[in-house]
């Protein structure tokens, strides 16, 4: 949680309600309008508008800008913060396990079962699957690609960035599925892919660590996987958990056919063990 650290002794009861809401729901507030915040707190829009200057901001835009700046911590800063937390405890393993368990529970609580089932269906129906995986999500894409290819799916990873990504995007068609990993924010390439989907009508799945986003209604399915607080060291344990469950769910959709494919792989390994040892 982001600590806003406002002095509340000089605030009115209405302003204290607004301050408490923003402290507890900062991420949601960052993509909300004043009207939406007012409705959530059950106060007037005018009260929300007056609140910003009381706590040191020009307006809601200034509040959002300053909070965004506060959470844009460098990778070195995130690692330093993690090290400081671990040094206060006797066991690194205990710290990382406790954090991972919390993120796994958060993922299980907030991932939509309806969206998960839709994502499974989209994968099984796709003619070809493209994966956009910037930064650390490359490992997740590798895992997804490796496992789904065993089930007979044709998969291509979008490796180019910038305008070069259009060399791949131009080949998308209506029968395809594009899986986009969008951790922390939606990159320009992902925005283009989602925008182009309105013209071509291919399906899209976004896997994100953001519970509240401004792009959720632009994809056909959105899956949540916790990676911890925005300003903290990000773990990929929960996203891996989500991907593995998605693979299992896909495998169960056409169980008999997929088992036959795996049996064929086993026979090939046995036949060519001498030439291609494991």
C-alpha atoms as a PDB file:
ATOM      1  CA  UNK A   1       0.000   0.000   0.000  1.00  0.00           C
ATOM      2  CA  UNK A   2       1.240   3.523  -0.786  1.00  0.00           C
ATOM      3  CA  UNK A   3       1.608   5.631   2.359  1.00  0.00           C
ATOM      4  CA  UNK A   4       0.143   9.066   1.596  1.00  0.00           C
ATOM      5  CA  UNK A   5       0.999  10.343   5.096  1.00  0.00           C
ATOM      6  CA  UNK A   6      -1.534  13.171   5.265  1.00  0.00           C
ATOM      7  CA  UNK A   7      -2.005  15.176   8.448  1.00  0.00           C
ATOM      8  CA  UNK A   8      -5.699  14.638   9.166  1.00  0.00           C
ATOM      9  CA  UNK A   9      -6.132  16.672  12.368  1.00  0.00           C
ATOM     10  CA  UNK A  10      -7.137  19.790  10.407  1.00  0.00           C
ATOM     11  CA  UNK A  11      -9.508  17.955   8.041  1.00  0.00           C
ATOM     12  CA  UNK A  12     -13.274  17.981   8.297  1.00  0.00           C
ATOM     13  CA  UNK A  13     -15.133  14.675   8.841  1.00  0.00           C
ATOM     14  CA  UNK A  14     -15.998  14.600   5.126  1.00  0.00           C
ATOM     15  CA  UNK A  15     -12.368  15.189   4.144  1.00  0.00           C
ATOM     16  CA  UNK A  16     -11.209  12.469   6.534  1.00  0.00           C
ATOM     17  CA  UNK A  17     -13.553  10.047   4.743  1.00  0.00           C
ATOM     18  CA  UNK A  18     -12.048  11.027   1.390  1.00  0.00           C
ATOM     19  CA  UNK A  19      -8.493  10.732   2.739  1.00  0.00           C
ATOM     20  CA  UNK A  20      -9.162   7.277   4.190  1.00  0.00           C
ATOM     21  CA  UNK A  21     -10.689   6.098   0.917  1.00  0.00           C
ATOM     22  CA  UNK A  22      -7.723   7.325  -1.124  1.00  0.00           C
ATOM     23  CA  UNK A  23      -5.279   5.674   1.283  1.00  0.00           C
ATOM     24  CA  UNK A  24      -7.036   2.307   1.081  1.00  0.00           C
ATOM     25  CA  UNK A  25      -7.889   2.447  -2.642  1.00  0.00           C
ATOM     26  CA  UNK A  26      -5.045   4.483  -4.140  1.00  0.00           C
ATOM     27  CA  UNK A  27      -4.649   2.297  -7.232  1.00  0.00           C
ATOM     28  CA  UNK A  28      -8.359   2.509  -8.018  1.00  0.00           C
ATOM     29  CA  UNK A  29      -8.382   6.268  -7.414  1.00  0.00           C
ATOM     30  CA  UNK A  30      -5.591   6.748  -9.950  1.00  0.00           C
ATOM     31  CA  UNK A  31      -7.967   5.673 -12.759  1.00  0.00           C
ATOM     32  CA  UNK A  32     -11.132   7.242 -11.296  1.00  0.00           C
ATOM     33  CA  UNK A  33     -12.831  10.559 -11.927  1.00  0.00           C
ATOM     34  CA  UNK A  34     -13.855  12.929  -9.134  1.00  0.00           C
ATOM     35  CA  UNK A  35     -17.462  11.827  -9.668  1.00  0.00           C
ATOM     36  CA  UNK A  36     -16.514   8.166  -9.215  1.00  0.00           C
ATOM     37  CA  UNK A  37     -14.546   8.920  -6.045  1.00  0.00           C
ATOM     38  CA  UNK A  38     -17.433  11.000  -4.687  1.00  0.00           C
ATOM     39  CA  UNK A  39     -19.861   8.140  -5.338  1.00  0.00           C
ATOM     40  CA  UNK A  40     -17.581   5.604  -3.628  1.00  0.00           C
ATOM     41  CA  UNK A  41     -17.207   7.790  -0.522  1.00  0.00           C
ATOM     42  CA  UNK A  42     -20.827   8.996  -0.602  1.00  0.00           C
ATOM     43  CA  UNK A  43     -19.932  12.695  -0.643  1.00  0.00           C
ATOM     44  CA  UNK A  44     -20.487  15.476  -3.168  1.00  0.00           C
ATOM     45  CA  UNK A  45     -18.258  16.035  -6.181  1.00  0.00           C
ATOM     46  CA  UNK A  46     -17.600  19.556  -4.889  1.00  0.00           C
ATOM     47  CA  UNK A  47     -16.232  18.096  -1.635  1.00  0.00           C
ATOM     48  CA  UNK A  48     -13.767  15.970  -3.594  1.00  0.00           C
ATOM     49  CA  UNK A  49     -12.749  18.950  -5.748  1.00  0.00           C
ATOM     50  CA  UNK A  50     -12.049  21.086  -2.657  1.00  0.00           C
ATOM     51  CA  UNK A  51     -10.163  18.258  -0.941  1.00  0.00           C
ATOM     52  CA  UNK A  52      -7.047  18.373  -3.162  1.00  0.00           C
ATOM     53  CA  UNK A  53      -5.887  21.849  -2.143  1.00  0.00           C
ATOM     54  CA  UNK A  54      -6.480  21.022   1.507  1.00  0.00           C
ATOM     55  CA  UNK A  55      -3.858  18.253   1.351  1.00  0.00           C
ATOM     56  CA  UNK A  56      -1.373  20.070  -0.866  1.00  0.00           C
ATOM     57  CA  UNK A  57      -2.364  19.330  -4.472  1.00  0.00           C
ATOM     58  CA  UNK A  58      -3.574  21.704  -7.180  1.00  0.00           C
ATOM     59  CA  UNK A  59      -6.285  19.312  -8.394  1.00  0.00           C
ATOM     60  CA  UNK A  60      -6.950  15.622  -9.039  1.00  0.00           C
ATOM     61  CA  UNK A  61      -4.595  15.642 -12.029  1.00  0.00           C
ATOM     62  CA  UNK A  62      -1.780  16.937  -9.814  1.00  0.00           C
ATOM     63  CA  UNK A  63      -2.555  14.247  -7.203  1.00  0.00           C
ATOM     64  CA  UNK A  64      -2.390  11.453  -9.790  1.00  0.00           C
ATOM     65  CA  UNK A  65       0.837  12.826 -11.287  1.00  0.00           C
ATOM     66  CA  UNK A  66       2.622  13.050  -7.929  1.00  0.00           C
ATOM     67  CA  UNK A  67       1.507   9.594  -6.798  1.00  0.00           C
ATOM     68  CA  UNK A  68       2.633   8.065 -10.102  1.00  0.00           C
ATOM     69  CA  UNK A  69       6.043   9.688  -9.630  1.00  0.00           C
ATOM     70  CA  UNK A  70       6.262   8.323  -6.095  1.00  0.00           C
ATOM     71  CA  UNK A  71       5.708   4.716  -7.186  1.00  0.00           C
ATOM     72  CA  UNK A  72       8.034   4.814 -10.207  1.00  0.00           C
ATOM     73  CA  UNK A  73      10.945   3.303  -8.304  1.00  0.00           C
ATOM     74  CA  UNK A  74      14.046   2.082 -10.132  1.00  0.00           C
ATOM     75  CA  UNK A  75      14.915  -1.657 -10.207  1.00  0.00           C
ATOM     76  CA  UNK A  76      17.888  -0.866  -7.947  1.00  0.00           C
ATOM     77  CA  UNK A  77      15.591   0.843  -5.466  1.00  0.00           C
ATOM     78  CA  UNK A  78      13.220  -2.123  -5.424  1.00  0.00           C
ATOM     79  CA  UNK A  79      16.082  -4.550  -4.798  1.00  0.00           C
ATOM     80  CA  UNK A  80      17.522  -2.328  -2.068  1.00  0.00           C
ATOM     81  CA  UNK A  81      14.138  -2.218  -0.334  1.00  0.00           C
ATOM     82  CA  UNK A  82      13.849  -6.013  -0.528  1.00  0.00           C
ATOM     83  CA  UNK A  83      17.347  -6.473   0.928  1.00  0.00           C
ATOM     84  CA  UNK A  84      16.535  -4.133   3.799  1.00  0.00           C
ATOM     85  CA  UNK A  85      13.378  -6.116   4.571  1.00  0.00           C
ATOM     86  CA  UNK A  86      15.241  -9.441   4.477  1.00  0.00           C
ATOM     87  CA  UNK A  87      18.062  -8.168   6.694  1.00  0.00           C
ATOM     88  CA  UNK A  88      15.516  -7.507   9.435  1.00  0.00           C
ATOM     89  CA  UNK A  89      14.588 -11.185   9.453  1.00  0.00           C
ATOM     90  CA  UNK A  90      16.578 -14.289  10.239  1.00  0.00           C
ATOM     91  CA  UNK A  91      15.685 -16.221   7.094  1.00  0.00           C
ATOM     92  CA  UNK A  92      15.603 -15.197   3.437  1.00  0.00           C
ATOM     93  CA  UNK A  93      13.645 -18.349   2.587  1.00  0.00           C
ATOM     94  CA  UNK A  94      10.973 -17.514   5.166  1.00  0.00           C
ATOM     95  CA  UNK A  95      10.562 -13.979   3.839  1.00  0.00           C
ATOM     96  CA  UNK A  96      10.205 -15.012   0.190  1.00  0.00           C
ATOM     97  CA  UNK A  97       7.876 -17.906   1.056  1.00  0.00           C
ATOM     98  CA  UNK A  98       5.606 -15.681   3.117  1.00  0.00           C
ATOM     99  CA  UNK A  99       5.469 -13.104   0.327  1.00  0.00           C
ATOM    100  CA  UNK A 100       4.805 -15.752  -2.336  1.00  0.00           C
ATOM    101  CA  UNK A 101       1.976 -17.338  -0.349  1.00  0.00           C
ATOM    102  CA  UNK A 102       0.329 -13.945   0.059  1.00  0.00           C
ATOM    103  CA  UNK A 103       0.570 -13.240  -3.684  1.00  0.00           C
ATOM    104  CA  UNK A 104      -0.787 -16.683  -4.560  1.00  0.00           C
ATOM    105  CA  UNK A 105      -3.781 -16.159  -2.272  1.00  0.00           C
ATOM    106  CA  UNK A 106      -4.353 -12.700  -3.759  1.00  0.00           C
ATOM    107  CA  UNK A 107      -4.263 -14.148  -7.274  1.00  0.00           C
ATOM    108  CA  UNK A 108      -6.749 -16.901  -6.379  1.00  0.00           C
ATOM    109  CA  UNK A 109      -9.044 -14.355  -4.742  1.00  0.00           C
ATOM    110  CA  UNK A 110      -9.146 -11.823  -7.552  1.00  0.00           C
ATOM    111  CA  UNK A 111      -8.670 -13.738 -10.800  1.00  0.00           C
ATOM    112  CA  UNK A 112     -12.049 -14.019 -12.493  1.00  0.00           C
ATOM    113  CA  UNK A 113     -13.169 -17.609 -13.057  1.00  0.00           C
ATOM    114  CA  UNK A 114     -15.347 -16.434 -15.933  1.00  0.00           C
ATOM    115  CA  UNK A 115     -12.368 -14.719 -17.580  1.00  0.00           C
ATOM    116  CA  UNK A 116     -10.208 -17.790 -16.928  1.00  0.00           C
ATOM    117  CA  UNK A 117     -12.711 -20.074 -18.634  1.00  0.00           C
ATOM    118  CA  UNK A 118     -13.051 -17.663 -21.567  1.00  0.00           C
ATOM    119  CA  UNK A 119      -9.254 -17.564 -21.930  1.00  0.00           C
ATOM    120  CA  UNK A 120      -9.148 -21.363 -21.979  1.00  0.00           C
ATOM    121  CA  UNK A 121     -11.834 -21.456 -24.664  1.00  0.00           C
ATOM    122  CA  UNK A 122     -10.072 -18.816 -26.776  1.00  0.00           C
ATOM    123  CA  UNK A 123      -6.844 -20.821 -26.733  1.00  0.00           C
ATOM    124  CA  UNK A 124      -8.551 -24.061 -27.752  1.00  0.00           C
ATOM    125  CA  UNK A 125     -10.384 -22.319 -30.627  1.00  0.00           C
ATOM    126  CA  UNK A 126      -7.477 -20.278 -32.000  1.00  0.00           C
ATOM    127  CA  UNK A 127      -6.034 -20.948 -35.436  1.00  0.00           C
ATOM    128  CA  UNK A 128      -2.727 -19.433 -34.330  1.00  0.00           C
ATOM    129  CA  UNK A 129      -1.586 -17.894 -31.056  1.00  0.00           C
ATOM    130  CA  UNK A 130       0.688 -14.862 -30.830  1.00  0.00           C
ATOM    131  CA  UNK A 131       2.295 -13.829 -27.541  1.00  0.00           C
ATOM    132  CA  UNK A 132       3.481 -10.325 -26.704  1.00  0.00           C
ATOM    133  CA  UNK A 133       5.847 -10.620 -23.737  1.00  0.00           C
ATOM    134  CA  UNK A 134       7.987  -7.588 -22.874  1.00  0.00           C
ATOM    135  CA  UNK A 135      10.656  -7.649 -20.169  1.00  0.00           C
ATOM    136  CA  UNK A 136      10.453 -10.340 -17.462  1.00  0.00           C
ATOM    137  CA  UNK A 137       7.327 -11.907 -18.968  1.00  0.00           C
ATOM    138  CA  UNK A 138       9.544 -13.608 -21.592  1.00  0.00           C
ATOM    139  CA  UNK A 139      10.002 -16.558 -19.227  1.00  0.00           C
ATOM    140  CA  UNK A 140       6.247 -16.942 -18.817  1.00  0.00           C
ATOM    141  CA  UNK A 141       5.805 -16.871 -22.590  1.00  0.00           C
ATOM    142  CA  UNK A 142       8.494 -19.548 -22.982  1.00  0.00           C
ATOM    143  CA  UNK A 143       6.672 -21.793 -20.503  1.00  0.00           C
ATOM    144  CA  UNK A 144       3.310 -21.229 -22.191  1.00  0.00           C
ATOM    145  CA  UNK A 145       4.781 -21.808 -25.650  1.00  0.00           C
ATOM    146  CA  UNK A 146       6.653 -24.977 -24.628  1.00  0.00           C
ATOM    147  CA  UNK A 147       3.613 -26.611 -23.045  1.00  0.00           C
ATOM    148  CA  UNK A 148       0.954 -25.593 -25.570  1.00  0.00           C
ATOM    149  CA  UNK A 149       3.020 -26.716 -28.551  1.00  0.00           C
ATOM    150  CA  UNK A 150       2.847 -30.226 -27.106  1.00  0.00           C
ATOM    151  CA  UNK A 151      -0.924 -29.983 -27.527  1.00  0.00           C
ATOM    152  CA  UNK A 152      -0.503 -29.107 -31.205  1.00  0.00           C
ATOM    153  CA  UNK A 153      -1.020 -25.340 -31.078  1.00  0.00           C
ATOM    154  CA  UNK A 154       0.846 -23.073 -33.480  1.00  0.00           C
ATOM    155  CA  UNK A 155       2.447 -20.296 -31.439  1.00  0.00           C
ATOM    156  CA  UNK A 156       4.570 -17.308 -32.374  1.00  0.00           C
ATOM    157  CA  UNK A 157       6.262 -14.895 -29.962  1.00  0.00           C
ATOM    158  CA  UNK A 158       6.305 -11.231 -30.985  1.00  0.00           C
ATOM    159  CA  UNK A 159       9.972 -10.436 -30.571  1.00  0.00           C
ATOM    160  CA  UNK A 160      10.176  -7.046 -32.306  1.00  0.00           C
ATOM    161  CA  UNK A 161       9.415  -3.729 -30.662  1.00  0.00           C
ATOM    162  CA  UNK A 162       8.459  -0.318 -31.985  1.00  0.00           C
ATOM    163  CA  UNK A 163       7.399  -0.025 -35.624  1.00  0.00           C
ATOM    164  CA  UNK A 164       9.068  -3.372 -36.403  1.00  0.00           C
ATOM    165  CA  UNK A 165       6.301  -5.125 -34.446  1.00  0.00           C
ATOM    166  CA  UNK A 166       3.949  -4.144 -37.282  1.00  0.00           C
ATOM    167  CA  UNK A 167       5.774  -6.706 -39.460  1.00  0.00           C
ATOM    168  CA  UNK A 168       4.092  -9.372 -37.296  1.00  0.00           C
ATOM    169  CA  UNK A 169       0.866  -7.533 -36.458  1.00  0.00           C
ATOM    170  CA  UNK A 170       0.025  -7.213 -40.172  1.00  0.00           C
ATOM    171  CA  UNK A 171      -0.428 -11.010 -40.357  1.00  0.00           C
ATOM    172  CA  UNK A 172      -3.063 -11.234 -37.589  1.00  0.00           C
ATOM    173  CA  UNK A 173      -6.439 -12.507 -38.762  1.00  0.00           C
ATOM    174  CA  UNK A 174      -9.861 -13.081 -37.279  1.00  0.00           C
ATOM    175  CA  UNK A 175      -9.156 -16.689 -36.262  1.00  0.00           C
ATOM    176  CA  UNK A 176      -6.037 -15.793 -34.258  1.00  0.00           C
ATOM    177  CA  UNK A 177      -5.554 -15.159 -30.555  1.00  0.00           C
ATOM    178  CA  UNK A 178      -3.105 -12.643 -29.131  1.00  0.00           C
ATOM    179  CA  UNK A 179      -1.969 -13.054 -25.524  1.00  0.00           C
ATOM    180  CA  UNK A 180      -0.474  -9.898 -24.040  1.00  0.00           C
ATOM    181  CA  UNK A 181       1.505  -9.718 -20.807  1.00  0.00           C
ATOM    182  CA  UNK A 182       1.016  -6.265 -19.331  1.00  0.00           C
ATOM    183  CA  UNK A 183       2.689  -5.871 -15.955  1.00  0.00           C
ATOM    184  CA  UNK A 184       2.741  -2.408 -14.350  1.00  0.00           C
ATOM    185  CA  UNK A 185       1.547  -0.640 -17.521  1.00  0.00           C
ATOM    186  CA  UNK A 186       0.331  -1.158 -21.073  1.00  0.00           C
ATOM    187  CA  UNK A 187       3.164  -0.538 -23.533  1.00  0.00           C
ATOM    188  CA  UNK A 188       2.573   1.206 -26.902  1.00  0.00           C
ATOM    189  CA  UNK A 189       2.907  -2.043 -28.873  1.00  0.00           C
ATOM    190  CA  UNK A 190       0.167  -3.620 -26.738  1.00  0.00           C
ATOM    191  CA  UNK A 191      -2.083  -0.593 -27.259  1.00  0.00           C
ATOM    192  CA  UNK A 192      -1.637  -0.904 -31.024  1.00  0.00           C
ATOM    193  CA  UNK A 193      -2.473  -4.634 -30.895  1.00  0.00           C
ATOM    194  CA  UNK A 194      -5.662  -3.916 -28.929  1.00  0.00           C
ATOM    195  CA  UNK A 195      -6.621  -1.068 -31.256  1.00  0.00           C
ATOM    196  CA  UNK A 196      -6.040  -3.136 -34.407  1.00  0.00           C
ATOM    197  CA  UNK A 197      -8.277  -5.871 -32.969  1.00  0.00           C
ATOM    198  CA  UNK A 198     -11.268  -3.546 -33.465  1.00  0.00           C
ATOM    199  CA  UNK A 199     -10.641  -3.722 -37.214  1.00  0.00           C
ATOM    200  CA  UNK A 200      -9.586  -7.360 -37.693  1.00  0.00           C
ATOM    201  CA  UNK A 201     -11.705  -8.864 -34.865  1.00  0.00           C
ATOM    202  CA  UNK A 202      -9.109 -11.290 -33.497  1.00  0.00           C
ATOM    203  CA  UNK A 203      -9.385 -12.198 -29.832  1.00  0.00           C
ATOM    204  CA  UNK A 204      -7.114 -10.844 -27.119  1.00  0.00           C
ATOM    205  CA  UNK A 205      -6.172 -11.931 -23.599  1.00  0.00           C
ATOM    206  CA  UNK A 206      -4.336  -9.625 -21.201  1.00  0.00           C
ATOM    207  CA  UNK A 207      -2.428 -11.045 -18.236  1.00  0.00           C
ATOM    208  CA  UNK A 208      -1.750  -8.239 -15.777  1.00  0.00           C
ATOM    209  CA  UNK A 209      -0.835  -7.482 -12.167  1.00  0.00           C
ATOM    210  CA  UNK A 210      -3.213  -4.500 -12.058  1.00  0.00           C
ATOM    211  CA  UNK A 211      -6.611  -5.024 -10.421  1.00  0.00           C
ATOM    212  CA  UNK A 212      -7.955  -1.737 -11.741  1.00  0.00           C
ATOM    213  CA  UNK A 213      -6.929  -0.728 -15.271  1.00  0.00           C
ATOM    214  CA  UNK A 214      -7.978   1.662 -17.992  1.00  0.00           C
ATOM    215  CA  UNK A 215      -7.632  -1.079 -20.608  1.00  0.00           C
ATOM    216  CA  UNK A 216      -9.697  -3.913 -19.103  1.00  0.00           C
ATOM    217  CA  UNK A 217     -12.647  -3.292 -21.433  1.00  0.00           C
ATOM    218  CA  UNK A 218     -10.390  -3.304 -24.511  1.00  0.00           C
ATOM    219  CA  UNK A 219      -9.509  -7.034 -24.275  1.00  0.00           C
ATOM    220  CA  UNK A 220     -11.757 -10.087 -24.608  1.00  0.00           C
ATOM    221  CA  UNK A 221     -10.427 -11.561 -21.350  1.00  0.00           C
ATOM    222  CA  UNK A 222      -8.280 -10.106 -18.547  1.00  0.00           C
ATOM    223  CA  UNK A 223      -6.481 -12.373 -16.068  1.00  0.00           C
ATOM    224  CA  UNK A 224      -5.000 -11.035 -12.839  1.00  0.00           C
ATOM    225  CA  UNK A 225      -1.799 -12.349 -11.260  1.00  0.00           C
ATOM    226  CA  UNK A 226      -0.306 -10.632  -8.228  1.00  0.00           C
ATOM    227  CA  UNK A 227       3.358  -9.581  -8.265  1.00  0.00           C
ATOM    228  CA  UNK A 228       3.308  -7.507  -5.074  1.00  0.00           C
ATOM    229  CA  UNK A 229       3.104  -3.768  -4.536  1.00  0.00           C
ATOM    230  CA  UNK A 230       3.958  -1.461  -7.439  1.00  0.00           C
ATOM    231  CA  UNK A 231       6.960   0.007  -5.628  1.00  0.00           C
ATOM    232  CA  UNK A 232       8.342  -3.344  -4.397  1.00  0.00           C
ATOM    233  CA  UNK A 233      10.454  -6.143  -5.895  1.00  0.00           C
ATOM    234  CA  UNK A 234       8.191  -8.056  -8.267  1.00  0.00           C
ATOM    235  CA  UNK A 235       7.917 -11.832  -8.001  1.00  0.00           C
ATOM    236  CA  UNK A 236       6.856 -14.062 -10.909  1.00  0.00           C
ATOM    237  CA  UNK A 237       5.657 -16.929  -8.698  1.00  0.00           C
ATOM    238  CA  UNK A 238       1.944 -16.102  -8.883  1.00  0.00           C
ATOM    239  CA  UNK A 239       1.990 -15.370 -12.643  1.00  0.00           C
ATOM    240  CA  UNK A 240       3.729 -18.742 -13.161  1.00  0.00           C
ATOM    241  CA  UNK A 241       1.026 -20.379 -11.038  1.00  0.00           C
ATOM    242  CA  UNK A 242      -1.637 -18.774 -13.247  1.00  0.00           C
ATOM    243  CA  UNK A 243       0.069 -19.862 -16.477  1.00  0.00           C
ATOM    244  CA  UNK A 244       0.462 -23.456 -15.283  1.00  0.00           C
ATOM    245  CA  UNK A 245      -3.218 -23.635 -14.357  1.00  0.00           C
ATOM    246  CA  UNK A 246      -4.156 -22.192 -17.729  1.00  0.00           C
ATOM    247  CA  UNK A 247      -2.078 -24.896 -19.442  1.00  0.00           C
ATOM    248  CA  UNK A 248      -3.785 -27.610 -17.379  1.00  0.00           C
ATOM    249  CA  UNK A 249      -7.209 -26.177 -18.158  1.00  0.00           C
ATOM    250  CA  UNK A 250      -6.431 -26.196 -21.890  1.00  0.00           C
ATOM    251  CA  UNK A 251      -5.136 -29.755 -21.655  1.00  0.00           C
ATOM    252  CA  UNK A 252      -8.366 -30.930 -20.053  1.00  0.00           C
ATOM    253  CA  UNK A 253     -10.569 -29.404 -22.787  1.00  0.00           C
ATOM    254  CA  UNK A 254      -9.523 -32.095 -25.299  1.00  0.00           C
ATOM    255  CA  UNK A 255      -8.075 -34.595 -22.877  1.00  0.00           C
ATOM    256  CA  UNK A 256      -8.058 -37.706 -25.063  1.00  0.00           C
ATOM    257  CA  UNK A 257      -6.471 -35.995 -28.075  1.00  0.00           C
ATOM    258  CA  UNK A 258      -3.850 -34.277 -25.919  1.00  0.00           C
ATOM    259  CA  UNK A 259      -2.966 -37.510 -24.131  1.00  0.00           C
ATOM    260  CA  UNK A 260      -2.451 -39.178 -27.511  1.00  0.00           C
ATOM    261  CA  UNK A 261      -0.068 -36.397 -28.525  1.00  0.00           C
ATOM    262  CA  UNK A 262       1.931 -36.857 -25.326  1.00  0.00           C
ATOM    263  CA  UNK A 263       2.004 -40.626 -25.851  1.00  0.00           C
ATOM    264  CA  UNK A 264       3.326 -40.028 -29.378  1.00  0.00           C
ATOM    265  CA  UNK A 265       6.082 -37.840 -27.921  1.00  0.00           C
ATOM    266  CA  UNK A 266       7.012 -40.601 -25.463  1.00  0.00           C
ATOM    267  CA  UNK A 267       7.230 -43.146 -28.285  1.00  0.00           C
ATOM    268  CA  UNK A 268       9.414 -40.835 -30.365  1.00  0.00           C
ATOM    269  CA  UNK A 269      11.751 -40.331 -27.403  1.00  0.00           C
ATOM    270  CA  UNK A 270      11.990 -44.075 -26.926  1.00  0.00           C
ATOM    271  CA  UNK A 271      12.603 -44.716 -30.638  1.00  0.00           C
ATOM    272  CA  UNK A 272      15.352 -42.096 -30.988  1.00  0.00           C
ATOM    273  CA  UNK A 273      16.872 -42.287 -27.527  1.00  0.00           C
ATOM    274  CA  UNK A 274      20.229 -43.317 -28.956  1.00  0.00           C
ATOM    275  CA  UNK A 275      20.402 -40.487 -31.466  1.00  0.00           C
ATOM    276  CA  UNK A 276      18.774 -37.804 -29.288  1.00  0.00           C
ATOM    277  CA  UNK A 277      19.375 -38.638 -25.617  1.00  0.00           C
ATOM    278  CA  UNK A 278      17.593 -36.473 -23.038  1.00  0.00           C
END
